[in-house]
Protein backbone atom coordinates (compact mmCIF):
# COMPACT_ATOMS: atom_id res chain seq x y z
CA UNK A 1 -19.55 25.65 -2.95
CA UNK A 2 -17.41 28.24 -1.17
CA UNK A 3 -15.48 25.45 0.54
CA UNK A 4 -14.92 23.72 -2.81
CA UNK A 5 -13.64 26.98 -4.28
CA UNK A 6 -11.21 27.44 -1.42
CA UNK A 7 -9.93 23.87 -1.74
CA UNK A 8 -9.50 24.18 -5.51
CA UNK A 9 -7.67 27.47 -4.98
CA UNK A 10 -5.32 25.81 -2.49
CA UNK A 11 -4.73 22.98 -4.96
CA UNK A 12 -3.84 25.40 -7.77
CA UNK A 13 -1.34 27.20 -5.56
CA UNK A 14 0.27 23.94 -4.40
CA UNK A 15 -0.29 21.78 -7.47
CA UNK A 16 3.27 20.55 -8.01
CA UNK A 17 4.06 19.50 -4.42
CA UNK A 18 0.61 17.91 -4.08
CA UNK A 19 1.04 15.85 -7.26
CA UNK A 20 4.53 14.88 -6.12
CA UNK A 21 3.32 13.63 -2.74
CA UNK A 22 0.48 11.73 -4.41
CA UNK A 23 2.91 10.08 -6.83
CA UNK A 24 5.17 9.11 -3.93
CA UNK A 25 2.29 7.12 -2.46
CA UNK A 26 1.91 5.39 -5.80
CA UNK A 27 5.38 3.93 -5.07
CA UNK A 28 4.09 2.92 -1.65
CA UNK A 29 1.18 1.08 -3.27
CA UNK A 30 3.42 -0.74 -5.75
CA UNK A 31 5.40 -2.21 -2.84
CA UNK A 32 2.36 -3.32 -0.86
CA UNK A 33 0.87 -5.83 -3.29
CA UNK A 34 3.62 -7.28 -5.47
CA UNK A 35 4.68 -10.04 -3.05
CA UNK A 36 1.33 -11.87 -3.03
CA UNK A 37 1.05 -12.95 -6.69
CA UNK A 38 4.80 -13.50 -7.10
CA UNK A 39 5.11 -15.56 -3.92
CA UNK A 40 5.34 -18.99 -5.58
CA UNK A 41 7.78 -17.74 -8.20
CA UNK A 42 9.96 -16.24 -5.49
CA UNK A 43 9.83 -19.57 -3.65
CA UNK A 44 11.17 -21.26 -6.77
CA UNK A 45 13.80 -18.58 -7.20
CA UNK A 46 15.03 -18.93 -3.60
CA UNK A 47 14.30 -22.68 -3.24
CA UNK A 48 12.47 -22.00 0.03
CA UNK A 49 9.43 -23.34 1.85
CA UNK A 50 6.29 -21.33 2.57
CA UNK A 51 7.26 -20.63 6.22
CA UNK A 52 10.69 -19.48 5.05
CA UNK A 53 9.30 -17.14 2.39
CA UNK A 54 6.84 -15.80 4.99
CA UNK A 55 9.82 -14.19 6.74
CA UNK A 56 10.00 -11.88 3.73
CA UNK A 57 6.58 -10.45 4.65
CA UNK A 58 7.67 -10.20 8.27
CA UNK A 59 10.85 -8.28 7.38
CA UNK A 60 8.91 -5.87 5.16
CA UNK A 61 6.31 -5.04 7.80
CA UNK A 62 8.84 -4.81 10.64
CA UNK A 63 11.00 -2.39 8.67
CA UNK A 64 7.91 -0.44 7.60
CA UNK A 65 7.27 0.28 11.27
CA UNK A 66 10.90 1.22 11.80
CA UNK A 67 10.81 3.41 8.69
CA UNK A 68 7.74 5.22 9.98
CA UNK A 69 9.63 6.12 13.14
CA UNK A 70 12.71 7.03 11.11
CA UNK A 71 10.62 9.34 8.93
CA UNK A 72 9.95 11.53 11.95
CA UNK A 73 13.64 12.43 12.01
CA UNK A 74 13.25 14.23 8.66
CA UNK A 75 10.27 16.36 9.64
CA UNK A 76 12.09 19.53 10.71
CA UNK A 77 12.73 21.10 7.30
CA UNK A 78 11.31 20.83 3.82
CA UNK A 79 14.77 19.99 2.44
CA UNK A 80 15.15 17.04 4.81
CA UNK A 81 11.67 15.78 3.96
CA UNK A 82 12.15 15.98 0.20
CA UNK A 83 15.57 14.37 0.27
CA UNK A 84 14.15 11.57 2.41
CA UNK A 85 11.36 11.05 -0.16
CA UNK A 86 13.83 11.11 -3.05
CA UNK A 87 16.06 8.52 -1.38
CA UNK A 88 13.10 6.31 -0.44
CA UNK A 89 11.45 6.29 -3.88
CA UNK A 90 14.79 5.68 -5.60
CA UNK A 91 15.46 2.81 -3.19
CA UNK A 92 12.13 1.23 -4.19
CA UNK A 93 13.14 1.22 -7.87
CA UNK A 94 16.51 -0.28 -6.93
CA UNK A 95 14.79 -2.97 -4.84
CA UNK A 96 12.57 -3.96 -7.77
CA UNK A 97 15.62 -4.14 -10.01
CA UNK A 98 17.65 -6.27 -7.57
CA UNK A 99 14.95 -8.79 -6.54
CA UNK A 100 15.53 -11.11 -9.57
CA UNK A 101 19.14 -11.56 -8.48
CA UNK A 102 18.23 -12.71 -4.95
CA UNK A 103 18.59 -16.51 -4.97
CA UNK A 104 18.70 -16.91 -1.20
CA UNK A 105 15.65 -16.23 0.97
CA UNK A 106 17.75 -14.37 3.57
CA UNK A 107 19.14 -12.04 0.92
CA UNK A 108 15.61 -11.52 -0.45
CA UNK A 109 14.29 -10.73 3.03
CA UNK A 110 17.07 -8.17 3.51
CA UNK A 111 16.28 -6.48 0.19
CA UNK A 112 12.54 -6.41 0.95
CA UNK A 113 13.37 -5.00 4.40
CA UNK A 114 15.05 -2.06 2.64
CA UNK A 115 11.81 -1.51 0.70
CA UNK A 116 9.93 -1.60 4.02
CA UNK A 117 12.14 1.14 5.45
CA UNK A 118 11.52 3.25 2.36
CA UNK A 119 7.75 2.67 2.59
CA UNK A 120 7.66 3.67 6.25
CA UNK A 121 9.61 6.85 5.55
CA UNK A 122 7.26 7.72 2.66
CA UNK A 123 4.23 7.04 4.86
CA UNK A 124 5.32 9.49 7.55
CA UNK A 125 6.96 12.26 5.52
CA UNK A 126 4.56 12.65 2.58
CA UNK A 127 1.50 12.43 4.82
CA UNK A 128 2.92 15.06 7.16
CA UNK A 129 3.83 17.43 4.31
CA UNK A 130 0.30 17.32 2.90
CA UNK A 131 -1.15 18.10 6.32
CA UNK A 132 1.27 21.01 6.69
CA UNK A 133 0.16 22.44 3.33
CA UNK A 134 -3.61 22.05 3.71
CA UNK A 135 -4.09 21.69 7.48
CA UNK A 136 -7.85 21.66 8.21
CA UNK A 137 -8.64 21.21 4.49
CA UNK A 138 -6.36 18.19 4.14
CA UNK A 139 -9.03 15.47 4.51
CA UNK A 140 -9.90 15.47 0.80
CA UNK A 141 -6.25 15.39 -0.27
CA UNK A 142 -5.47 12.53 2.09
CA UNK A 143 -8.41 10.56 0.72
CA UNK A 144 -6.93 11.02 -2.76
CA UNK A 145 -3.69 9.77 -1.24
CA UNK A 146 -5.55 6.55 -0.33
CA UNK A 147 -6.58 6.28 -3.96
CA UNK A 148 -2.98 6.42 -5.18
CA UNK A 149 -1.95 3.76 -2.68
CA UNK A 150 -4.76 1.56 -3.94
CA UNK A 151 -3.94 2.34 -7.56
CA UNK A 152 -0.32 1.27 -7.10
CA UNK A 153 -1.42 -1.86 -5.24
CA UNK A 154 -3.90 -2.62 -8.04
CA UNK A 155 -1.31 -2.12 -10.78
CA UNK A 156 1.57 -4.24 -9.46
CA UNK A 157 -0.29 -7.62 -9.56
CA UNK A 158 -1.54 -6.77 -13.07
CA UNK A 159 2.04 -6.15 -14.18
CA UNK A 160 3.21 -9.40 -12.62
CA UNK A 161 0.38 -11.58 -13.93
CA UNK A 162 1.61 -12.13 -17.54
CA UNK A 163 4.99 -13.26 -16.22
CA UNK A 164 3.78 -15.71 -13.57
CA UNK A 165 4.82 -19.29 -14.17
CA UNK A 166 2.18 -21.94 -14.81
CA UNK A 167 4.73 -24.64 -13.95
CA UNK A 168 4.89 -26.09 -10.48
CA UNK A 169 8.03 -25.39 -8.51
CA UNK A 170 8.66 -29.01 -7.54
CA UNK A 171 6.69 -31.01 -10.11
CA UNK A 172 7.39 -34.53 -8.99
CA UNK A 173 7.06 -34.06 -5.27
CA UNK A 174 4.19 -31.60 -5.35
CA UNK A 175 1.90 -33.84 -7.41
CA UNK A 176 2.61 -36.75 -5.14
CA UNK A 177 1.93 -34.64 -2.09
CA UNK A 178 -1.21 -33.10 -3.58
CA UNK A 179 -2.85 -36.47 -4.21
CA UNK A 180 -2.06 -37.70 -0.72
CA UNK A 181 -3.32 -34.67 1.17
CA UNK A 182 -6.67 -34.52 2.86
CA UNK A 183 -8.91 -31.50 2.47
CA UNK A 184 -8.79 -30.36 6.08
CA UNK A 185 -5.32 -31.27 7.32
CA UNK A 186 -2.40 -31.30 4.91
CA UNK A 187 0.24 -32.77 7.12
CA UNK A 188 2.04 -34.63 4.34
CA UNK A 189 4.28 -31.72 3.21
CA UNK A 190 5.86 -31.72 6.65
CA UNK A 191 6.05 -35.53 6.83
CA UNK A 192 7.29 -35.64 3.26
CA UNK A 193 10.27 -33.48 4.14
CA UNK A 194 11.37 -35.96 6.83
CA UNK A 195 10.68 -38.85 4.49
CA UNK A 196 12.75 -37.22 1.77
CA UNK A 197 15.66 -36.89 4.14
CA UNK A 198 15.83 -40.69 4.51
CA UNK A 199 15.65 -41.37 0.76
CA UNK A 200 18.45 -39.90 -1.34
CA UNK A 201 16.60 -40.48 -4.61
CA UNK A 202 13.73 -38.25 -3.47
CA UNK A 203 15.96 -35.33 -2.55
CA UNK A 204 14.56 -32.02 -3.76
CA UNK A 205 17.71 -30.96 -5.57
CA UNK A 206 16.49 -32.51 -8.81
CA UNK A 207 13.08 -30.77 -9.02
CA UNK A 208 14.69 -27.42 -8.19
CA UNK A 209 16.44 -27.19 -11.53
CA UNK A 210 13.49 -26.76 -13.93
CA UNK A 211 11.96 -23.70 -12.24
CA UNK A 212 15.32 -21.95 -12.24
CA UNK A 213 15.17 -21.65 -16.01
CA UNK A 214 11.46 -21.42 -16.63
CA UNK A 215 10.15 -19.35 -13.74
CA UNK A 216 12.82 -17.02 -12.54
CA UNK A 217 13.64 -15.47 -15.90
CA UNK A 218 10.03 -14.65 -16.70
CA UNK A 219 9.05 -13.10 -13.39
CA UNK A 220 12.22 -11.00 -13.47
CA UNK A 221 10.71 -8.94 -16.28
CA UNK A 222 7.78 -7.98 -14.04
CA UNK A 223 10.10 -6.56 -11.38
CA UNK A 224 12.16 -4.67 -13.93
CA UNK A 225 9.01 -3.17 -15.47
CA UNK A 226 7.85 -2.04 -12.01
CA UNK A 227 11.30 -0.51 -11.41
CA UNK A 228 10.97 1.49 -14.63
CA UNK A 229 7.37 2.54 -13.91
CA UNK A 230 8.43 3.80 -10.48
CA UNK A 231 11.51 5.66 -11.78
CA UNK A 232 9.62 8.91 -12.69
CA UNK A 233 8.61 9.30 -9.03
CA UNK A 234 12.10 10.08 -7.63
CA UNK A 235 12.63 12.30 -10.68
CA UNK A 236 9.46 14.22 -9.75
CA UNK A 237 10.77 14.68 -6.19
CA UNK A 238 14.11 15.85 -7.59
CA UNK A 239 12.30 18.36 -9.81
CA UNK A 240 10.41 19.68 -6.76
CA UNK A 241 13.72 20.03 -4.92
CA UNK A 242 15.03 22.04 -7.85
CA UNK A 243 11.96 24.27 -7.93
CA UNK A 244 12.25 24.96 -4.21
CA UNK A 245 15.95 25.87 -4.78
CA UNK A 246 17.05 23.16 -2.38
CA UNK A 247 19.56 21.52 -4.72
CA UNK A 248 21.95 24.48 -4.53
CA UNK A 249 21.59 24.99 -0.76
CA UNK A 250 24.81 23.14 0.20
CA UNK A 251 26.89 25.48 -2.02
CA UNK A 252 25.69 28.58 -0.20
CA UNK A 253 26.00 27.15 3.26
CA UNK A 254 29.67 28.07 3.93
CA UNK A 255 28.95 31.74 3.08
CA UNK A 256 25.94 32.16 5.35
CA UNK A 257 26.35 29.36 7.81
CA UNK A 258 24.95 31.01 10.94
CA UNK A 259 22.15 32.80 9.07
CA UNK A 260 21.05 29.62 7.35
CA UNK A 261 21.04 27.68 10.55
CA UNK A 262 19.06 30.40 12.26
CA UNK A 263 16.54 30.44 9.41
CA UNK A 264 16.15 26.69 9.51
CA UNK A 265 15.72 26.80 13.26
CA UNK A 266 13.06 29.49 13.23
CA UNK A 267 11.09 28.49 10.13
CA UNK A 268 9.86 25.08 11.38
CA UNK A 269 9.19 26.57 14.80
CA UNK A 270 6.85 29.13 13.28
CA UNK A 271 5.07 26.41 11.30
CA UNK A 272 4.68 24.30 14.34
CA UNK A 273 3.21 27.22 16.23
CA UNK A 274 0.71 27.99 13.48
CA UNK A 275 -0.22 24.38 13.14
CA UNK A 276 -0.44 24.28 16.84
CA UNK A 277 -3.56 26.20 16.82
CA UNK A 278 -3.82 22.87 18.50
CA UNK A 279 -2.43 23.10 22.00
CA UNK A 280 0.90 21.89 23.21
CA UNK A 281 -0.61 18.60 24.19
CA UNK A 282 -0.72 17.58 20.53
CA UNK A 283 1.30 20.25 18.91
CA UNK A 284 2.84 18.69 15.84
CA UNK A 285 2.42 15.21 14.49
CA UNK A 286 3.69 13.79 17.72
CA UNK A 287 1.12 11.11 17.13
CA UNK A 288 3.53 9.44 14.76
CA UNK A 289 6.15 9.07 17.52
CA UNK A 290 5.14 6.21 19.78
CA UNK A 291 8.02 6.73 22.20
CA UNK A 292 7.24 10.38 22.88
CA UNK A 293 3.56 9.54 23.14
CA UNK A 294 4.20 6.93 25.82
CA UNK A 295 6.37 9.38 27.74
CA UNK A 296 3.51 11.81 28.35
CA UNK A 297 2.88 12.39 32.05
CA UNK A 298 -0.46 14.08 31.34
CA UNK A 299 -2.29 10.75 31.48
CA UNK A 300 -1.59 10.12 35.13
CA UNK A 301 -5.16 10.82 36.20
CA UNK A 302 -6.90 9.25 33.21
CA UNK A 303 -9.67 6.70 33.88
CA UNK A 304 -9.16 3.01 33.10
CA UNK A 305 -11.58 3.27 30.18
CA UNK A 306 -9.19 5.73 28.52
CA UNK A 307 -6.48 3.05 28.23
CA UNK A 308 -9.00 0.29 27.45
CA UNK A 309 -10.28 2.28 24.47
CA UNK A 310 -6.73 2.62 23.11
CA UNK A 311 -6.05 -1.10 23.56
CA UNK A 312 -9.32 -2.50 22.16
CA UNK A 313 -9.31 -0.15 19.16
CA UNK A 314 -5.71 -1.16 18.41
CA UNK A 315 -6.68 -4.84 18.67
CA UNK A 316 -9.51 -4.35 16.18
CA UNK A 317 -7.07 -2.87 13.66
CA UNK A 318 -4.49 -5.51 14.57
CA UNK A 319 -7.00 -8.06 13.28
CA UNK A 320 -8.52 -6.20 10.32
CA UNK A 321 -5.26 -4.83 8.91
CA UNK A 322 -3.60 -8.16 9.60
CA UNK A 323 -6.36 -9.87 7.61
CA UNK A 324 -5.89 -7.39 4.77
CA UNK A 325 -2.17 -8.10 4.59
CA UNK A 326 -2.53 -11.86 4.98
CA UNK A 327 -5.34 -12.17 2.42
CA UNK A 328 -3.47 -10.10 -0.14
CA UNK A 329 -0.33 -12.16 0.45
CA UNK A 330 -1.80 -15.67 0.37
CA UNK A 331 -5.00 -15.60 -1.69
CA UNK A 332 -2.98 -16.40 -4.81
CA UNK A 333 -1.29 -19.38 -3.10
CA UNK A 334 -4.67 -20.52 -1.76
CA UNK A 335 -6.30 -20.38 -5.19
CA UNK A 336 -3.68 -22.50 -6.99
CA UNK A 337 -3.80 -25.20 -4.30
CA UNK A 338 -6.42 -27.94 -4.04
CA UNK A 339 -9.41 -28.06 -3.90
CA UNK A 340 -9.74 -25.09 -6.31
CA UNK A 341 -6.55 -25.58 -8.37
CA UNK A 342 -7.07 -22.31 -10.23
CA UNK A 343 -4.63 -21.62 -13.05
CA UNK A 344 -1.67 -19.46 -12.10
CA UNK A 345 -2.56 -16.73 -14.59
CA UNK A 346 -6.20 -16.58 -13.45
CA UNK A 347 -5.22 -16.64 -9.77
CA UNK A 348 -2.90 -13.71 -10.43
CA UNK A 349 -5.96 -11.48 -10.90
CA UNK A 350 -7.17 -12.10 -7.34
CA UNK A 351 -4.76 -9.67 -5.59
CA UNK A 352 -5.58 -7.02 -8.22
CA UNK A 353 -9.31 -7.59 -7.68
CA UNK A 354 -8.82 -7.34 -3.92
CA UNK A 355 -6.88 -4.06 -4.09
CA UNK A 356 -9.14 -2.71 -6.82
CA UNK A 357 -12.18 -3.03 -4.56
CA UNK A 358 -10.24 -1.60 -1.62
CA UNK A 359 -9.57 1.45 -3.81
CA UNK A 360 -13.21 1.57 -4.90
CA UNK A 361 -14.36 1.24 -1.28
CA UNK A 362 -12.17 4.13 -0.22
CA UNK A 363 -13.68 6.33 -2.91
CA UNK A 364 -17.22 5.29 -1.91
CA UNK A 365 -16.50 5.92 1.77
CA UNK A 366 -15.82 9.62 1.13
CA UNK A 367 -19.51 10.58 0.58
CA UNK A 368 -20.79 7.79 2.85
CA UNK A 369 -18.73 9.04 5.81
CA UNK A 370 -20.54 12.39 5.70
CA UNK A 371 -23.91 10.62 6.22
CA UNK A 372 -22.98 7.75 8.51
CA UNK A 373 -21.29 7.69 11.89
CA UNK A 374 -17.82 6.10 12.03
CA UNK A 375 -18.98 3.61 14.68
CA UNK A 376 -21.72 2.36 12.36
CA UNK A 377 -19.32 2.07 9.43
CA UNK A 378 -16.87 0.01 11.50
CA UNK A 379 -19.68 -2.28 12.72
CA UNK A 380 -20.88 -2.92 9.15
CA UNK A 381 -17.32 -3.53 7.98
CA UNK A 382 -16.43 -6.01 10.71
CA UNK A 383 -19.69 -7.94 10.37
CA UNK A 384 -19.27 -7.95 6.58
CA UNK A 385 -15.77 -9.41 6.90
CA UNK A 386 -16.96 -12.23 9.19
CA UNK A 387 -19.94 -13.09 6.96
CA UNK A 388 -17.77 -13.04 3.82
CA UNK A 389 -15.18 -15.40 5.31
CA UNK A 390 -17.95 -17.74 6.49
CA UNK A 391 -19.44 -17.83 2.98
CA UNK A 392 -16.00 -18.42 1.47
CA UNK A 393 -15.60 -21.31 3.89
CA UNK A 394 -19.00 -22.78 3.00
CA UNK A 395 -18.44 -22.40 -0.77
CA UNK A 396 -14.76 -23.29 -0.66
CA UNK A 397 -15.09 -25.39 -3.85
CA UNK A 398 -16.64 -22.56 -5.87
CA UNK A 399 -14.11 -20.61 -7.94
CA UNK A 400 -16.64 -17.92 -8.92
CA UNK A 401 -17.50 -17.22 -5.29
CA UNK A 402 -13.80 -16.92 -4.50
CA UNK A 403 -13.65 -13.92 -6.84
CA UNK A 404 -16.93 -12.52 -5.48
CA UNK A 405 -15.77 -13.00 -1.89
CA UNK A 406 -12.41 -11.37 -2.64
CA UNK A 407 -14.17 -8.29 -4.00
CA UNK A 408 -16.51 -8.24 -0.98
CA UNK A 409 -13.60 -8.44 1.47
CA UNK A 410 -11.87 -5.56 -0.31
CA UNK A 411 -14.97 -3.39 0.06
CA UNK A 412 -15.51 -4.17 3.75
CA UNK A 413 -11.86 -3.79 4.75
CA UNK A 414 -11.29 -0.60 2.73
CA UNK A 415 -12.75 1.96 5.14
CA UNK A 416 -12.22 0.12 8.42
CA UNK A 417 -8.95 1.85 9.25
CA UNK A 418 -9.97 5.53 8.75
CA UNK A 419 -13.41 4.91 10.28
CA UNK A 420 -11.89 3.31 13.38
CA UNK A 421 -9.42 6.17 13.76
CA UNK A 422 -12.17 8.78 13.40
CA UNK A 423 -14.37 6.93 15.90
CA UNK A 424 -11.58 6.52 18.47
CA UNK A 425 -10.43 10.13 18.14
CA UNK A 426 -14.05 11.27 18.63
CA UNK A 427 -14.32 9.23 21.82
CA UNK A 428 -11.07 10.65 23.19
CA UNK A 429 -11.73 14.17 21.84
CA UNK A 430 -8.32 14.20 20.14
CA UNK A 431 -6.57 14.18 23.52
CA UNK A 432 -5.02 10.73 23.58
CA UNK A 433 -2.44 8.87 21.56
CA UNK A 434 -5.07 7.11 19.48
CA UNK A 435 -3.43 7.63 16.10
CA UNK A 436 -0.03 6.46 17.30
CA UNK A 437 -1.35 3.41 19.12
CA UNK A 438 -3.74 2.39 16.34
CA UNK A 439 -1.21 2.82 13.54
CA UNK A 440 1.31 0.78 15.52
CA UNK A 441 -1.26 -1.91 16.30
CA UNK A 442 -2.30 -2.16 12.66
CA UNK A 443 1.31 -2.39 11.51
CA UNK A 444 2.14 -5.11 14.02
CA UNK A 445 -1.02 -6.97 12.95
CA UNK A 446 0.07 -6.99 9.32
CA UNK A 447 3.49 -8.23 10.35
CA UNK A 448 2.40 -10.96 12.78
CA UNK A 449 -0.69 -12.35 11.04
CA UNK A 450 1.06 -12.72 7.68
CA UNK A 451 3.77 -14.75 9.38
CA UNK A 452 1.23 -16.79 11.36
CA UNK A 453 -0.97 -17.54 8.34
CA UNK A 454 2.09 -18.64 6.35
CA UNK A 455 3.10 -21.13 9.05
CA UNK A 456 -0.44 -22.51 9.45
CA UNK A 457 -0.97 -22.66 5.68
CA UNK A 458 2.15 -24.81 5.28
CA UNK A 459 1.34 -27.10 8.20
CA UNK A 460 -2.43 -27.57 7.78
CA UNK A 461 -3.09 -26.91 4.10
CA UNK A 462 -5.07 -24.42 2.06
CA UNK A 463 -8.37 -24.90 3.90
CA UNK A 464 -6.80 -23.42 7.05
CA UNK A 465 -6.41 -20.10 5.20
CA UNK A 466 -10.16 -19.51 5.35
CA UNK A 467 -10.45 -20.90 8.88
CA UNK A 468 -7.86 -18.34 10.01
CA UNK A 469 -9.90 -15.60 8.31
CA UNK A 470 -13.06 -16.60 10.20
CA UNK A 471 -11.20 -16.74 13.53
CA UNK A 472 -9.51 -13.37 13.00
CA UNK A 473 -12.81 -11.81 11.91
CA UNK A 474 -14.62 -13.12 15.00
CA UNK A 475 -11.85 -11.81 17.24
CA UNK A 476 -12.11 -8.40 15.56
CA UNK A 477 -15.87 -8.41 16.24
CA UNK A 478 -15.33 -9.34 19.90
CA UNK A 479 -12.76 -6.57 20.34
CA UNK A 480 -15.11 -4.07 18.68
CA UNK A 481 -17.98 -4.99 21.01
CA UNK A 482 -15.54 -4.48 23.90
CA UNK A 483 -14.66 -1.05 22.48
CA UNK A 484 -18.36 -0.12 22.40
CA UNK A 485 -18.66 -1.17 26.04
CA UNK A 486 -15.68 0.93 27.13
CA UNK A 487 -17.04 3.87 25.12
CA UNK A 488 -20.30 3.61 27.05
CA UNK A 489 -18.57 3.77 30.44
CA UNK A 490 -16.01 6.40 29.38
CA UNK A 491 -16.69 9.96 30.64
CA UNK A 492 -18.11 12.21 27.94
CA UNK A 493 -15.93 15.21 28.81
CA UNK A 494 -12.47 14.18 29.97
CA UNK A 495 -10.98 17.17 31.69
CA UNK A 496 -8.43 15.07 33.51
CA UNK A 497 -6.01 15.07 30.60
CA UNK A 498 -5.63 18.67 29.41
CA UNK A 499 -7.48 21.86 29.87
CA UNK A 500 -7.61 22.74 26.17
CA UNK A 501 -9.19 20.89 23.29
CA UNK A 502 -7.28 20.65 20.00
CA UNK A 503 -8.92 21.86 16.84
CA UNK A 504 -8.42 18.52 15.14
CA UNK A 505 -5.60 19.51 12.83
CA UNK A 506 -4.25 16.03 13.49
CA UNK A 507 -7.52 14.32 12.66
CA UNK A 508 -7.19 14.43 8.86
CA UNK A 509 -3.70 13.02 9.18
CA UNK A 510 -5.11 10.08 11.07
CA UNK A 511 -6.86 8.98 7.93
CA UNK A 512 -3.61 8.00 6.26
CA UNK A 513 -1.24 5.26 7.33
């Protein structure tokens, strides 16, 4: 009760910045999930194939990683952090507004890449600011941050759903291809493209015209609505800048140039020292900087198991986060294809259902994590993912089970990331680069597996989507068993790295990507 009173008191004193940082992650969530349900409409808009449109996912995830590194540049002062958040959230609204005017897949990929940079910057800066405010009490506030990410990801497919086109992008060709495909291997789309090249009458320029009028105009409204819904977020950041008297700072700078610079130099240094109740080994969110982490010479005498734990844990999240991104991106496309042939409007609810249960799972994991060890939670999650994909594969003709399986996957994948981070940090006693390596591995997994699934989906057909899920789930399980083995042989007390043990100020931050 005393702890709850202290946390509520901290929240009352920092209510406005806390609400602002939470709302910023709502923008992050909006950007995560909108591509999946609108994928086919964007294909029609850009006249692109599935492998081509998959580059859009790749560009978003690649720039998200770059944006996360870029966000570390703005960590020195509150003014830099808030201006970075204002620019990023405003850029997200602009991206939503511009997407309907992108008729070339390369232009679309470039615009989505800008959104990825903004998302990465938000991820680093807002997370770091919350940890600076609440420090050892930040776990609860970061869990709420997860909720806002999930809420934004839940909302964007619901906004898009009424505007999704029921018409097929290439009516004549797609029906012909659909009837000639087999259930397991759909090679005819690839063969059909070569065949079309030899027959001028079957050129795809004719079928492209109908979607341009019927699909593009409708889905444009969804993006413009999301741009308007997101617009209050940069305004909230601007209001916080005004309250902190950071809008007028440039006007005073010529009068007190040296004093201001001295104040800005000393103020972050003091905060870093207080937050570095943790020792110099992990003094400040250096975990978010992969380059500086890899430069550490303190690991020279570390045992092999120390590096194996980093690698295997990162590979687990490479698979699980990659599955999360790929499933969210392609479950809509899978549902509207044969053998299920779900209606476009109905299939549009699948990404929302997926992210809704991820959000629910994150809320459930808060009390569960206090009663269950992280290692046990990860084991249950990974096994649950494999079993769910196997059942989806067995009941691949059952539309109802597709919705049930989507909800189940959301639940099992929801707490895998924070549980794995907590487990790995416990093994390494907060002395390694676990957070940096695992966040990077998860981000690369989302980037690579989405691209890979898109290529396989186009070449082999919809059934391969579930086969990929089973394979990725089994690989995640194998890597997790390897992690358990390396944990068993790893020394309990690793004094070879540093003489001091951090207090775990960084640990709450590790719960948020």
